[in-house]
Amino acid sequence: MNKTRKITYTAIIAGLTTATSTLIYIPLGFAKIFPIQHFANVISAVLLGPWYATLQAFLTSTLRNMMGTGSLFAYPGSMIGAFLAAIIFSKTKKLSLAAFGEVVGTGIFGAMATYPIGILFMGQKATLFGLIPSFLMASFAGALMAYGLLKVMSRNKIIGGLIYENSTYDRGF
């Protein structure tokens, strides 16, 4: 896949994710979980590779913050999850491990990365372990939906060779 097509897909996924995140969310305690972001992270990780998946997560987080539907916590969670999912998929070519990478990357590492943001900018000390359960649940729900869709699409040969064109083998980024 050429660079222009990857950039276009990245922008489309970021735009759709931003638009649907205002419609589909689950209130959970003091947080709202947005599984569509994690759905998009896995889709981007599998179809576009680590750099474009991370870019998609950054763009979506930025757009959601500009619209007032996101928080600063969206940056580390979504970007780490998208990157880890893409790296794991590029090494293993297994959809289930890409979904697992999103859950671990966002749910654990991303939630832990929010701690400095919570302390420095928001004055909240409970973020280290307070956000891990909600990040885990959101990323699990989104990754499960993406895994299901990608599995159906690959079984029906809808995405064909795109699923294996990842940045590890396709260095034309």
Protein backbone atom coordinates (compact mmCIF):
# COMPACT_ATOMS: atom_id res chain seq x y z
CA MET A 1 0.00 0.00 0.00
CA ASN A 2 1.45 3.36 -0.95
CA LYS A 3 1.97 6.27 1.40
CA THR A 4 -0.91 8.37 0.05
CA ARG A 5 -3.38 5.54 0.54
CA LYS A 6 -2.13 4.91 4.10
CA ILE A 7 -2.46 8.60 4.99
CA THR A 8 -5.95 8.68 3.50
CA TYR A 9 -7.06 5.59 5.44
CA THR A 10 -5.54 7.05 8.60
CA ALA A 11 -7.51 10.29 8.17
CA ILE A 12 -10.75 8.45 7.37
CA ILE A 13 -10.43 6.16 10.39
CA ALA A 14 -9.57 9.11 12.66
CA GLY A 15 -12.55 11.09 11.39
CA LEU A 16 -15.01 8.22 11.75
CA THR A 17 -13.67 7.39 15.19
CA THR A 18 -14.04 11.00 16.32
CA ALA A 19 -17.59 11.26 14.96
CA THR A 20 -18.78 7.99 16.51
CA SER A 21 -17.09 8.56 19.85
CA THR A 22 -19.68 11.18 20.69
CA LEU A 23 -22.46 8.67 20.04
CA ILE A 24 -21.12 5.41 21.44
CA TYR A 25 -19.80 5.46 24.98
CA ILE A 26 -20.40 3.62 28.23
CA PRO A 27 -20.52 5.59 31.50
CA LEU A 28 -18.48 3.73 34.10
CA GLY A 29 -17.98 5.37 37.47
CA PHE A 30 -16.11 8.65 37.08
CA ALA A 31 -15.07 7.84 33.52
CA LYS A 32 -16.73 7.27 30.19
CA ILE A 33 -15.32 4.44 28.13
CA PHE A 34 -15.14 4.83 24.37
CA PRO A 35 -14.65 1.37 22.83
CA ILE A 36 -14.69 2.78 19.29
CA GLN A 37 -11.24 4.31 19.81
CA HIS A 38 -9.83 0.88 20.65
CA PHE A 39 -11.74 -0.69 17.78
CA ALA A 40 -10.07 1.82 15.43
CA ASN A 41 -6.67 1.21 17.01
CA VAL A 42 -6.79 -2.51 16.23
CA ILE A 43 -8.12 -1.92 12.70
CA SER A 44 -5.36 0.64 12.06
CA ALA A 45 -2.72 -1.58 13.62
CA VAL A 46 -3.59 -4.50 11.37
CA LEU A 47 -4.21 -2.62 8.13
CA LEU A 48 -1.76 0.28 8.36
CA GLY A 49 1.14 -0.61 10.66
CA PRO A 50 2.61 0.97 13.80
CA TRP A 51 3.34 4.51 12.61
CA TYR A 52 -0.01 5.12 10.96
CA ALA A 53 -1.92 3.43 13.79
CA THR A 54 -0.16 5.70 16.28
CA LEU A 55 -0.85 8.72 14.07
CA GLN A 56 -4.53 7.74 13.87
CA ALA A 57 -4.71 7.50 17.68
CA PHE A 58 -3.01 10.89 18.04
CA LEU A 59 -5.33 12.55 15.51
CA THR A 60 -8.43 11.07 17.11
CA SER A 61 -7.31 12.12 20.60
CA THR A 62 -6.58 15.63 19.36
CA LEU A 63 -9.93 15.96 17.57
CA ARG A 64 -11.82 14.62 20.58
CA ASN A 65 -10.04 17.08 22.87
CA MET A 66 -10.81 19.95 20.51
CA MET A 67 -14.49 18.93 20.48
CA GLY A 68 -14.58 18.61 24.27
CA THR A 69 -15.39 14.88 24.23
CA GLY A 70 -11.95 13.66 25.25
CA SER A 71 -9.36 14.30 27.92
CA LEU A 72 -5.59 14.44 28.12
CA PHE A 73 -5.72 10.81 29.25
CA ALA A 74 -6.70 9.82 25.71
CA TYR A 75 -3.22 10.50 24.33
CA PRO A 76 -1.05 7.98 26.17
CA GLY A 77 -3.72 5.31 26.34
CA SER A 78 -4.71 5.25 22.72
CA MET A 79 -1.26 5.85 21.26
CA ILE A 80 0.52 3.21 23.34
CA GLY A 81 -2.25 0.69 22.66
CA ALA A 82 -2.27 1.30 18.91
CA PHE A 83 1.51 1.12 18.68
CA LEU A 84 1.80 -2.07 20.73
CA ALA A 85 -1.03 -3.76 18.81
CA ALA A 86 0.64 -2.91 15.51
CA ILE A 87 4.10 -4.03 16.60
CA ILE A 88 2.78 -7.34 17.90
CA PHE A 89 0.72 -7.91 14.76
CA SER A 90 3.63 -7.04 12.47
CA LYS A 91 5.78 -9.65 14.23
CA THR A 92 3.20 -12.44 14.61
CA LYS A 93 0.52 -11.80 11.94
CA LYS A 94 -2.13 -12.99 14.43
CA LEU A 95 -5.30 -10.95 14.84
CA SER A 96 -5.86 -12.21 18.37
CA LEU A 97 -2.45 -10.98 19.46
CA ALA A 98 -3.08 -7.57 17.89
CA ALA A 99 -6.25 -7.31 19.98
CA PHE A 100 -4.32 -8.49 23.05
CA GLY A 101 -1.64 -5.85 22.36
CA GLU A 102 -4.30 -3.14 22.32
CA VAL A 103 -5.73 -4.30 25.64
CA VAL A 104 -2.34 -4.52 27.35
CA GLY A 105 -0.99 -1.36 25.71
CA THR A 106 -4.00 0.78 26.54
CA GLY A 107 -5.42 -0.99 29.58
CA ILE A 108 -2.20 -1.32 31.53
CA PHE A 109 0.70 0.67 30.04
CA GLY A 110 -1.48 3.52 28.76
CA ALA A 111 -3.36 3.81 32.04
CA MET A 112 -0.07 3.88 33.96
CA ALA A 113 1.28 6.55 31.59
CA THR A 114 -1.61 8.82 32.57
CA TYR A 115 -0.24 9.15 36.09
CA PRO A 116 2.17 12.04 35.34
CA ILE A 117 -0.55 13.82 33.34
CA GLY A 118 -2.98 13.43 36.22
CA ILE A 119 -0.50 14.77 38.74
CA LEU A 120 0.96 17.64 36.69
CA PHE A 121 -2.05 18.97 34.84
CA MET A 122 -5.13 17.80 36.69
CA GLY A 123 -4.02 17.39 40.29
CA GLN A 124 -5.49 13.90 40.52
CA LYS A 125 -3.37 11.34 42.33
CA ALA A 126 -5.79 8.43 41.94
CA THR A 127 -5.10 8.01 38.24
CA LEU A 128 -2.36 5.38 38.56
CA PHE A 129 -4.68 2.58 39.57
CA GLY A 130 -7.99 4.42 39.22
CA LEU A 131 -8.03 4.33 35.43
CA ILE A 132 -6.66 0.83 34.84
CA PRO A 133 -10.06 -0.91 35.26
CA SER A 134 -11.91 1.51 32.95
CA PHE A 135 -9.11 1.52 30.36
CA LEU A 136 -9.02 -2.29 30.46
CA MET A 137 -12.77 -2.59 29.98
CA ALA A 138 -12.89 -0.05 27.15
CA SER A 139 -9.92 -1.52 25.32
CA PHE A 140 -11.20 -5.07 25.75
CA ALA A 141 -14.63 -4.16 24.34
CA GLY A 142 -13.18 -2.30 21.37
CA ALA A 143 -10.48 -4.89 20.65
CA LEU A 144 -13.04 -7.68 20.77
CA MET A 145 -15.27 -5.86 18.26
CA ALA A 146 -12.30 -5.21 15.94
CA TYR A 147 -11.10 -8.80 16.22
CA GLY A 148 -14.56 -10.06 15.28
CA LEU A 149 -14.83 -7.74 12.28
CA LEU A 150 -11.31 -8.49 11.03
CA LYS A 151 -11.87 -12.23 11.44
CA VAL A 152 -15.08 -12.09 9.39
CA MET A 153 -13.46 -9.87 6.77
CA SER A 154 -10.42 -12.11 6.39
CA ARG A 155 -12.57 -15.27 6.27
CA ASN A 156 -14.68 -13.77 3.48
CA LYS A 157 -11.58 -12.46 1.71
CA ILE A 158 -12.87 -8.89 1.83
CA ILE A 159 -9.58 -7.33 2.86
CA GLY A 160 -7.42 -9.81 0.96
CA GLY A 161 -3.74 -9.04 1.06
CA LEU A 162 -4.17 -5.78 2.99
CA ILE A 163 -4.12 -7.63 6.27
CA TYR A 164 -0.54 -8.73 5.68
CA GLU A 165 0.76 -5.46 4.27
CA ASN A 166 2.19 -4.04 7.44
CA SER A 167 5.06 -1.68 7.97
CA THR A 168 7.44 -4.49 8.88
CA TYR A 169 7.30 -5.81 5.34
CA ASP A 170 6.02 -2.76 3.46
CA ARG A 171 8.71 -0.14 4.14
CA GLY A 172 7.18 2.38 1.76
CA PHE A 173 6.01 4.72 4.50
